[in-house]
């Protein structure tokens, strides 16, 4: 099967694509840190962050539909965590109702907190989508290794991305085999079959990992990530880092209330 994930458009040729992977990674890290440290209610600061990341997406020639689709996938998970904020925060009551024996009150402060959490999460994931869509995963992992990230962590991320699609294909084949042999039956029977599929998939994944590791060791693997594209910090990287670094630093200073 053919799969397209976050780095689907990483092979395009734009000024942002040609930047060093380390430059884009450090900028993304600082961008997310600045968004997280923005005090609640600073809507104009959120607007500035959205403007700068939208400009980078435009320069990168990324399809806006792809970016929005990928960024919105995180919203349900954020809602699961933050959905209760409007009900336990103190503030002015805007709604009140009973659910069985419980009296639930919704406050304006809680709604304010929920909206801020959603905006921060959305801006952060947009930045990560931009990073993954403009940087080949091999170059990004090589950049992390050059930045002295733990080699084991880089190796795990490399294997996870490389073989998650293999596991997905294996799952789809097992599902197709189950559907072709399974007609009718109770919910208990379907649940038992699903449990057996999960166990079988775990065993196959473990055995495949052992075979892959043995084959890599036989070919001289020493734990180092290698790529044909050498990293090179150019003048464009310096200009990008200085301009956007100053912007993020100014926003961070303003957020912290220094000025």
C-alpha atoms as a PDB file:
ATOM      1  CA  UNK A   1       0.000   0.000   0.000  1.00  0.00           C
ATOM      2  CA  UNK A   2       1.034   3.588  -0.576  1.00  0.00           C
ATOM      3  CA  UNK A   3       0.814   5.970   2.368  1.00  0.00           C
ATOM      4  CA  UNK A   4       1.106   9.743   2.655  1.00  0.00           C
ATOM      5  CA  UNK A   5       1.844  11.198   6.033  1.00  0.00           C
ATOM      6  CA  UNK A   6       3.039  14.542   7.374  1.00  0.00           C
ATOM      7  CA  UNK A   7       6.092  14.745   5.105  1.00  0.00           C
ATOM      8  CA  UNK A   8       4.062  14.270   1.941  1.00  0.00           C
ATOM      9  CA  UNK A   9       5.226  17.599   0.459  1.00  0.00           C
ATOM     10  CA  UNK A  10       8.766  17.584   1.831  1.00  0.00           C
ATOM     11  CA  UNK A  11      10.292  17.013  -1.612  1.00  0.00           C
ATOM     12  CA  UNK A  12       9.175  20.378  -3.026  1.00  0.00           C
ATOM     13  CA  UNK A  13      11.683  23.070  -3.988  1.00  0.00           C
ATOM     14  CA  UNK A  14      10.888  26.291  -2.146  1.00  0.00           C
ATOM     15  CA  UNK A  15      13.113  28.710  -0.188  1.00  0.00           C
ATOM     16  CA  UNK A  16      11.841  27.161   3.047  1.00  0.00           C
ATOM     17  CA  UNK A  17      12.430  23.595   1.839  1.00  0.00           C
ATOM     18  CA  UNK A  18      16.054  24.466   1.090  1.00  0.00           C
ATOM     19  CA  UNK A  19      16.733  25.676   4.643  1.00  0.00           C
ATOM     20  CA  UNK A  20      18.778  23.564   7.000  1.00  0.00           C
ATOM     21  CA  UNK A  21      16.705  21.096   9.022  1.00  0.00           C
ATOM     22  CA  UNK A  22      18.291  22.317  12.267  1.00  0.00           C
ATOM     23  CA  UNK A  23      17.242  25.906  11.557  1.00  0.00           C
ATOM     24  CA  UNK A  24      13.616  24.937  11.041  1.00  0.00           C
ATOM     25  CA  UNK A  25      13.597  22.657  14.072  1.00  0.00           C
ATOM     26  CA  UNK A  26      14.980  25.321  16.436  1.00  0.00           C
ATOM     27  CA  UNK A  27      12.537  27.898  15.066  1.00  0.00           C
ATOM     28  CA  UNK A  28       9.609  25.493  15.570  1.00  0.00           C
ATOM     29  CA  UNK A  29      10.723  24.807  19.127  1.00  0.00           C
ATOM     30  CA  UNK A  30      10.959  28.532  19.924  1.00  0.00           C
ATOM     31  CA  UNK A  31       7.646  29.223  18.173  1.00  0.00           C
ATOM     32  CA  UNK A  32       5.790  26.621  20.249  1.00  0.00           C
ATOM     33  CA  UNK A  33       7.468  27.878  23.427  1.00  0.00           C
ATOM     34  CA  UNK A  34       6.379  31.434  22.647  1.00  0.00           C
ATOM     35  CA  UNK A  35       2.800  30.319  21.966  1.00  0.00           C
ATOM     36  CA  UNK A  36       2.624  28.353  25.218  1.00  0.00           C
ATOM     37  CA  UNK A  37       4.001  31.273  27.264  1.00  0.00           C
ATOM     38  CA  UNK A  38       1.497  33.755  25.807  1.00  0.00           C
ATOM     39  CA  UNK A  39      -0.816  34.917  28.622  1.00  0.00           C
ATOM     40  CA  UNK A  40      -4.501  34.016  28.152  1.00  0.00           C
ATOM     41  CA  UNK A  41      -6.490  36.701  26.394  1.00  0.00           C
ATOM     42  CA  UNK A  42      -3.679  38.198  24.296  1.00  0.00           C
ATOM     43  CA  UNK A  43      -5.622  37.668  21.083  1.00  0.00           C
ATOM     44  CA  UNK A  44      -3.519  40.086  19.052  1.00  0.00           C
ATOM     45  CA  UNK A  45      -0.376  38.113  19.924  1.00  0.00           C
ATOM     46  CA  UNK A  46      -2.087  34.935  18.752  1.00  0.00           C
ATOM     47  CA  UNK A  47      -2.936  36.808  15.555  1.00  0.00           C
ATOM     48  CA  UNK A  48       0.737  37.688  15.053  1.00  0.00           C
ATOM     49  CA  UNK A  49       1.759  34.063  15.517  1.00  0.00           C
ATOM     50  CA  UNK A  50      -0.894  32.939  13.034  1.00  0.00           C
ATOM     51  CA  UNK A  51       0.279  35.566  10.536  1.00  0.00           C
ATOM     52  CA  UNK A  52       3.916  34.501  10.690  1.00  0.00           C
ATOM     53  CA  UNK A  53       3.175  30.781  10.354  1.00  0.00           C
ATOM     54  CA  UNK A  54       0.662  31.471   7.549  1.00  0.00           C
ATOM     55  CA  UNK A  55       3.342  33.459   5.729  1.00  0.00           C
ATOM     56  CA  UNK A  56       5.793  30.576   6.040  1.00  0.00           C
ATOM     57  CA  UNK A  57       3.182  28.148   4.737  1.00  0.00           C
ATOM     58  CA  UNK A  58       2.554  30.452   1.761  1.00  0.00           C
ATOM     59  CA  UNK A  59       6.278  30.728   0.982  1.00  0.00           C
ATOM     60  CA  UNK A  60       6.594  26.951   1.293  1.00  0.00           C
ATOM     61  CA  UNK A  61       3.873  26.466  -1.374  1.00  0.00           C
ATOM     62  CA  UNK A  62       2.002  24.001   0.838  1.00  0.00           C
ATOM     63  CA  UNK A  63      -1.675  23.246   0.104  1.00  0.00           C
ATOM     64  CA  UNK A  64      -3.734  25.011   2.735  1.00  0.00           C
ATOM     65  CA  UNK A  65      -6.262  22.158   2.744  1.00  0.00           C
ATOM     66  CA  UNK A  66      -3.530  19.679   3.678  1.00  0.00           C
ATOM     67  CA  UNK A  67      -2.265  21.899   6.512  1.00  0.00           C
ATOM     68  CA  UNK A  68      -5.741  22.502   7.930  1.00  0.00           C
ATOM     69  CA  UNK A  69      -6.684  18.840   7.673  1.00  0.00           C
ATOM     70  CA  UNK A  70      -3.541  17.700   9.469  1.00  0.00           C
ATOM     71  CA  UNK A  71      -3.725  20.427  12.128  1.00  0.00           C
ATOM     72  CA  UNK A  72      -7.371  19.750  12.977  1.00  0.00           C
ATOM     73  CA  UNK A  73      -6.667  16.114  13.842  1.00  0.00           C
ATOM     74  CA  UNK A  74      -5.288  17.181  17.232  1.00  0.00           C
ATOM     75  CA  UNK A  75      -8.399  19.132  18.250  1.00  0.00           C
ATOM     76  CA  UNK A  76     -10.465  16.101  19.436  1.00  0.00           C
ATOM     77  CA  UNK A  77      -7.610  14.974  21.709  1.00  0.00           C
ATOM     78  CA  UNK A  78      -7.279  18.486  23.171  1.00  0.00           C
ATOM     79  CA  UNK A  79     -11.036  18.613  23.765  1.00  0.00           C
ATOM     80  CA  UNK A  80     -10.905  15.349  25.687  1.00  0.00           C
ATOM     81  CA  UNK A  81      -8.459  16.963  28.123  1.00  0.00           C
ATOM     82  CA  UNK A  82      -9.823  20.515  28.276  1.00  0.00           C
ATOM     83  CA  UNK A  83     -13.581  19.993  27.837  1.00  0.00           C
ATOM     84  CA  UNK A  84     -14.137  20.089  31.594  1.00  0.00           C
ATOM     85  CA  UNK A  85     -12.448  23.484  32.066  1.00  0.00           C
ATOM     86  CA  UNK A  86     -15.704  25.500  31.729  1.00  0.00           C
ATOM     87  CA  UNK A  87     -17.301  23.488  34.561  1.00  0.00           C
ATOM     88  CA  UNK A  88     -14.742  23.694  37.350  1.00  0.00           C
ATOM     89  CA  UNK A  89     -13.303  27.191  36.866  1.00  0.00           C
ATOM     90  CA  UNK A  90     -14.604  29.946  39.104  1.00  0.00           C
ATOM     91  CA  UNK A  91     -16.215  32.943  37.459  1.00  0.00           C
ATOM     92  CA  UNK A  92     -19.490  34.412  36.288  1.00  0.00           C
ATOM     93  CA  UNK A  93     -22.101  31.741  35.638  1.00  0.00           C
ATOM     94  CA  UNK A  94     -23.350  31.709  32.047  1.00  0.00           C
ATOM     95  CA  UNK A  95     -25.220  28.386  32.106  1.00  0.00           C
ATOM     96  CA  UNK A  96     -26.478  26.001  34.739  1.00  0.00           C
ATOM     97  CA  UNK A  97     -28.259  22.651  34.430  1.00  0.00           C
ATOM     98  CA  UNK A  98     -28.796  19.386  36.253  1.00  0.00           C
ATOM     99  CA  UNK A  99     -27.532  15.993  35.146  1.00  0.00           C
ATOM    100  CA  UNK A 100     -29.103  13.412  37.382  1.00  0.00           C
ATOM    101  CA  UNK A 101     -28.047  14.192  40.934  1.00  0.00           C
ATOM    102  CA  UNK A 102     -25.291  16.622  39.849  1.00  0.00           C
ATOM    103  CA  UNK A 103     -25.713  20.351  39.420  1.00  0.00           C
ATOM    104  CA  UNK A 104     -23.347  21.571  36.680  1.00  0.00           C
ATOM    105  CA  UNK A 105     -22.383  25.210  36.231  1.00  0.00           C
ATOM    106  CA  UNK A 106     -20.564  26.707  33.251  1.00  0.00           C
ATOM    107  CA  UNK A 107     -18.532  29.885  33.819  1.00  0.00           C
ATOM    108  CA  UNK A 108     -17.118  32.524  31.500  1.00  0.00           C
ATOM    109  CA  UNK A 109     -13.634  32.019  32.936  1.00  0.00           C
ATOM    110  CA  UNK A 110     -13.774  28.335  32.054  1.00  0.00           C
ATOM    111  CA  UNK A 111     -14.847  29.096  28.486  1.00  0.00           C
ATOM    112  CA  UNK A 112     -11.981  31.593  28.261  1.00  0.00           C
ATOM    113  CA  UNK A 113      -9.494  28.940  29.405  1.00  0.00           C
ATOM    114  CA  UNK A 114     -10.886  26.365  26.960  1.00  0.00           C
ATOM    115  CA  UNK A 115     -10.615  28.727  23.987  1.00  0.00           C
ATOM    116  CA  UNK A 116      -7.023  29.649  24.901  1.00  0.00           C
ATOM    117  CA  UNK A 117      -6.026  25.982  25.180  1.00  0.00           C
ATOM    118  CA  UNK A 118      -7.538  25.204  21.786  1.00  0.00           C
ATOM    119  CA  UNK A 119      -5.803  28.164  20.122  1.00  0.00           C
ATOM    120  CA  UNK A 120      -2.428  27.277  21.614  1.00  0.00           C
ATOM    121  CA  UNK A 121      -2.731  23.634  20.604  1.00  0.00           C
ATOM    122  CA  UNK A 122      -3.854  24.540  17.083  1.00  0.00           C
ATOM    123  CA  UNK A 123      -1.012  27.021  16.495  1.00  0.00           C
ATOM    124  CA  UNK A 124       1.531  24.548  17.843  1.00  0.00           C
ATOM    125  CA  UNK A 125       0.342  21.683  15.646  1.00  0.00           C
ATOM    126  CA  UNK A 126       0.268  23.950  12.581  1.00  0.00           C
ATOM    127  CA  UNK A 127       3.925  24.736  13.216  1.00  0.00           C
ATOM    128  CA  UNK A 128       4.734  21.024  13.494  1.00  0.00           C
ATOM    129  CA  UNK A 129       2.839  20.283  10.273  1.00  0.00           C
ATOM    130  CA  UNK A 130       4.815  23.044   8.564  1.00  0.00           C
ATOM    131  CA  UNK A 131       8.081  21.587   9.878  1.00  0.00           C
ATOM    132  CA  UNK A 132       7.279  18.036   8.774  1.00  0.00           C
ATOM    133  CA  UNK A 133       5.921  19.161   5.391  1.00  0.00           C
ATOM    134  CA  UNK A 134       9.062  21.120   4.516  1.00  0.00           C
ATOM    135  CA  UNK A 135      11.705  18.773   5.916  1.00  0.00           C
ATOM    136  CA  UNK A 136      12.514  15.218   4.938  1.00  0.00           C
ATOM    137  CA  UNK A 137      12.368  12.964   7.960  1.00  0.00           C
ATOM    138  CA  UNK A 138      15.860  11.602   7.281  1.00  0.00           C
ATOM    139  CA  UNK A 139      17.278  15.137   7.247  1.00  0.00           C
ATOM    140  CA  UNK A 140      15.386  16.060  10.407  1.00  0.00           C
ATOM    141  CA  UNK A 141      16.666  13.008  12.264  1.00  0.00           C
ATOM    142  CA  UNK A 142      20.183  13.663  10.977  1.00  0.00           C
ATOM    143  CA  UNK A 143      19.874  17.239  12.238  1.00  0.00           C
ATOM    144  CA  UNK A 144      18.737  16.052  15.663  1.00  0.00           C
ATOM    145  CA  UNK A 145      21.697  13.716  15.802  1.00  0.00           C
ATOM    146  CA  UNK A 146      24.069  16.546  14.860  1.00  0.00           C
ATOM    147  CA  UNK A 147      22.516  18.631  17.650  1.00  0.00           C
ATOM    148  CA  UNK A 148      23.580  15.922  20.098  1.00  0.00           C
ATOM    149  CA  UNK A 149      20.145  14.457  20.752  1.00  0.00           C
ATOM    150  CA  UNK A 150      20.328  10.992  22.359  1.00  0.00           C
ATOM    151  CA  UNK A 151      21.148   8.514  19.612  1.00  0.00           C
ATOM    152  CA  UNK A 152      18.707   5.949  20.998  1.00  0.00           C
ATOM    153  CA  UNK A 153      15.845   8.466  20.779  1.00  0.00           C
ATOM    154  CA  UNK A 154      16.703   9.330  17.181  1.00  0.00           C
ATOM    155  CA  UNK A 155      16.938   5.655  16.257  1.00  0.00           C
ATOM    156  CA  UNK A 156      13.550   4.873  17.837  1.00  0.00           C
ATOM    157  CA  UNK A 157      11.863   7.739  15.980  1.00  0.00           C
ATOM    158  CA  UNK A 158      13.455   6.599  12.725  1.00  0.00           C
ATOM    159  CA  UNK A 159      12.257   3.013  13.130  1.00  0.00           C
ATOM    160  CA  UNK A 160       8.821   4.089  14.330  1.00  0.00           C
ATOM    161  CA  UNK A 161       8.152   6.190  11.253  1.00  0.00           C
ATOM    162  CA  UNK A 162       9.713   3.692   8.868  1.00  0.00           C
ATOM    163  CA  UNK A 163       7.806   0.618  10.051  1.00  0.00           C
ATOM    164  CA  UNK A 164       4.487   2.055  11.216  1.00  0.00           C
ATOM    165  CA  UNK A 165       3.279   1.780   7.629  1.00  0.00           C
ATOM    166  CA  UNK A 166       4.405  -1.849   7.456  1.00  0.00           C
ATOM    167  CA  UNK A 167       2.415  -2.594  10.618  1.00  0.00           C
ATOM    168  CA  UNK A 168      -0.563  -0.729   9.174  1.00  0.00           C
ATOM    169  CA  UNK A 169      -0.435  -2.840   6.001  1.00  0.00           C
ATOM    170  CA  UNK A 170      -0.236  -5.974   8.126  1.00  0.00           C
ATOM    171  CA  UNK A 171      -3.298  -4.843  10.072  1.00  0.00           C
ATOM    172  CA  UNK A 172      -5.285  -4.181   6.904  1.00  0.00           C
ATOM    173  CA  UNK A 173      -4.435  -7.634   5.531  1.00  0.00           C
ATOM    174  CA  UNK A 174      -5.549  -9.263   8.784  1.00  0.00           C
ATOM    175  CA  UNK A 175      -8.772  -7.245   8.721  1.00  0.00           C
ATOM    176  CA  UNK A 176      -9.448  -8.281   5.130  1.00  0.00           C
ATOM    177  CA  UNK A 177      -8.856 -11.922   6.030  1.00  0.00           C
ATOM    178  CA  UNK A 178     -11.191 -11.628   9.032  1.00  0.00           C
ATOM    179  CA  UNK A 179     -13.962  -9.993   6.994  1.00  0.00           C
ATOM    180  CA  UNK A 180     -13.754 -12.675   4.299  1.00  0.00           C
ATOM    181  CA  UNK A 181     -14.151 -15.470   6.882  1.00  0.00           C
ATOM    182  CA  UNK A 182     -16.498 -13.809   9.364  1.00  0.00           C
ATOM    183  CA  UNK A 183     -20.217 -13.695   8.567  1.00  0.00           C
ATOM    184  CA  UNK A 184     -22.671 -12.866  11.330  1.00  0.00           C
ATOM    185  CA  UNK A 185     -21.876 -13.843  14.897  1.00  0.00           C
ATOM    186  CA  UNK A 186     -22.404 -12.120  18.228  1.00  0.00           C
ATOM    187  CA  UNK A 187     -20.600  -9.072  19.600  1.00  0.00           C
ATOM    188  CA  UNK A 188     -18.688 -11.326  21.977  1.00  0.00           C
ATOM    189  CA  UNK A 189     -17.432 -13.389  19.046  1.00  0.00           C
ATOM    190  CA  UNK A 190     -16.287 -10.249  17.191  1.00  0.00           C
ATOM    191  CA  UNK A 191     -14.555  -8.940  20.306  1.00  0.00           C
ATOM    192  CA  UNK A 192     -12.736 -12.240  20.846  1.00  0.00           C
ATOM    193  CA  UNK A 193     -11.598 -12.221  17.222  1.00  0.00           C
ATOM    194  CA  UNK A 194     -10.335  -8.663  17.564  1.00  0.00           C
ATOM    195  CA  UNK A 195      -8.399  -9.606  20.702  1.00  0.00           C
ATOM    196  CA  UNK A 196      -6.715 -12.467  18.878  1.00  0.00           C
ATOM    197  CA  UNK A 197      -5.835 -10.149  15.990  1.00  0.00           C
ATOM    198  CA  UNK A 198      -4.178  -7.681  18.360  1.00  0.00           C
ATOM    199  CA  UNK A 199      -2.175 -10.440  20.017  1.00  0.00           C
ATOM    200  CA  UNK A 200      -1.102 -11.877  16.673  1.00  0.00           C
ATOM    201  CA  UNK A 201      -0.125  -8.436  15.400  1.00  0.00           C
ATOM    202  CA  UNK A 202       2.004  -7.832  18.506  1.00  0.00           C
ATOM    203  CA  UNK A 203       3.838 -11.145  18.062  1.00  0.00           C
ATOM    204  CA  UNK A 204       4.421 -10.526  14.352  1.00  0.00           C
ATOM    205  CA  UNK A 205       5.709  -7.019  15.055  1.00  0.00           C
ATOM    206  CA  UNK A 206       8.098  -8.302  17.701  1.00  0.00           C
ATOM    207  CA  UNK A 207       9.419 -11.051  15.437  1.00  0.00           C
ATOM    208  CA  UNK A 208       9.777  -8.633  12.518  1.00  0.00           C
ATOM    209  CA  UNK A 209      11.728  -6.238  14.747  1.00  0.00           C
ATOM    210  CA  UNK A 210      14.124  -9.018  15.734  1.00  0.00           C
ATOM    211  CA  UNK A 211      14.672  -9.988  12.086  1.00  0.00           C
ATOM    212  CA  UNK A 212      15.235  -6.380  11.026  1.00  0.00           C
ATOM    213  CA  UNK A 213      17.716  -5.769  13.846  1.00  0.00           C
ATOM    214  CA  UNK A 214      19.645  -8.949  13.018  1.00  0.00           C
ATOM    215  CA  UNK A 215      19.792  -7.996   9.331  1.00  0.00           C
ATOM    216  CA  UNK A 216      21.018  -4.482  10.179  1.00  0.00           C
ATOM    217  CA  UNK A 217      23.737  -5.799  12.474  1.00  0.00           C
ATOM    218  CA  UNK A 218      24.839  -8.201   9.737  1.00  0.00           C
ATOM    219  CA  UNK A 219      25.289  -5.208   7.428  1.00  0.00           C
ATOM    220  CA  UNK A 220      27.418  -3.251   9.877  1.00  0.00           C
ATOM    221  CA  UNK A 221      24.838  -0.988  11.528  1.00  0.00           C
ATOM    222  CA  UNK A 222      26.454   1.023  14.330  1.00  0.00           C
ATOM    223  CA  UNK A 223      23.481   3.117  15.492  1.00  0.00           C
ATOM    224  CA  UNK A 224      24.348   6.204  13.434  1.00  0.00           C
ATOM    225  CA  UNK A 225      21.755   7.805  11.159  1.00  0.00           C
ATOM    226  CA  UNK A 226      23.142   8.311   7.635  1.00  0.00           C
ATOM    227  CA  UNK A 227      21.710  10.266   4.728  1.00  0.00           C
ATOM    228  CA  UNK A 228      22.905  11.246   1.263  1.00  0.00           C
ATOM    229  CA  UNK A 229      21.860  14.872   1.839  1.00  0.00           C
ATOM    230  CA  UNK A 230      24.567  16.603   3.879  1.00  0.00           C
ATOM    231  CA  UNK A 231      23.417  19.372   6.221  1.00  0.00           C
ATOM    232  CA  UNK A 232      24.777  22.790   5.401  1.00  0.00           C
ATOM    233  CA  UNK A 233      24.062  25.995   7.339  1.00  0.00           C
ATOM    234  CA  UNK A 234      23.908  28.682   4.631  1.00  0.00           C
ATOM    235  CA  UNK A 235      23.479  32.446   4.558  1.00  0.00           C
ATOM    236  CA  UNK A 236      19.744  32.035   4.001  1.00  0.00           C
ATOM    237  CA  UNK A 237      19.560  30.026   7.221  1.00  0.00           C
ATOM    238  CA  UNK A 238      21.289  32.839   9.091  1.00  0.00           C
ATOM    239  CA  UNK A 239      18.884  35.466   7.690  1.00  0.00           C
ATOM    240  CA  UNK A 240      15.877  33.278   8.504  1.00  0.00           C
ATOM    241  CA  UNK A 241      17.127  32.587  12.033  1.00  0.00           C
ATOM    242  CA  UNK A 242      17.923  36.242  12.800  1.00  0.00           C
ATOM    243  CA  UNK A 243      14.669  37.724  11.450  1.00  0.00           C
ATOM    244  CA  UNK A 244      12.236  35.233  12.914  1.00  0.00           C
ATOM    245  CA  UNK A 245      14.326  34.760  16.046  1.00  0.00           C
ATOM    246  CA  UNK A 246      14.089  38.485  16.795  1.00  0.00           C
ATOM    247  CA  UNK A 247      10.337  38.384  16.200  1.00  0.00           C
ATOM    248  CA  UNK A 248       9.837  35.493  18.591  1.00  0.00           C
ATOM    249  CA  UNK A 249      12.161  37.011  21.177  1.00  0.00           C
ATOM    250  CA  UNK A 250      10.243  40.307  21.091  1.00  0.00           C
ATOM    251  CA  UNK A 251       6.916  38.486  21.424  1.00  0.00           C
ATOM    252  CA  UNK A 252       8.273  36.490  24.354  1.00  0.00           C
ATOM    253  CA  UNK A 253       9.530  39.626  26.113  1.00  0.00           C
ATOM    254  CA  UNK A 254       6.159  41.338  25.654  1.00  0.00           C
ATOM    255  CA  UNK A 255       4.315  38.259  26.911  1.00  0.00           C
ATOM    256  CA  UNK A 256       6.417  38.093  30.037  1.00  0.00           C
ATOM    257  CA  UNK A 257       5.645  41.714  30.774  1.00  0.00           C
ATOM    258  CA  UNK A 258       9.215  43.010  30.727  1.00  0.00           C
ATOM    259  CA  UNK A 259       8.159  46.086  28.732  1.00  0.00           C
END
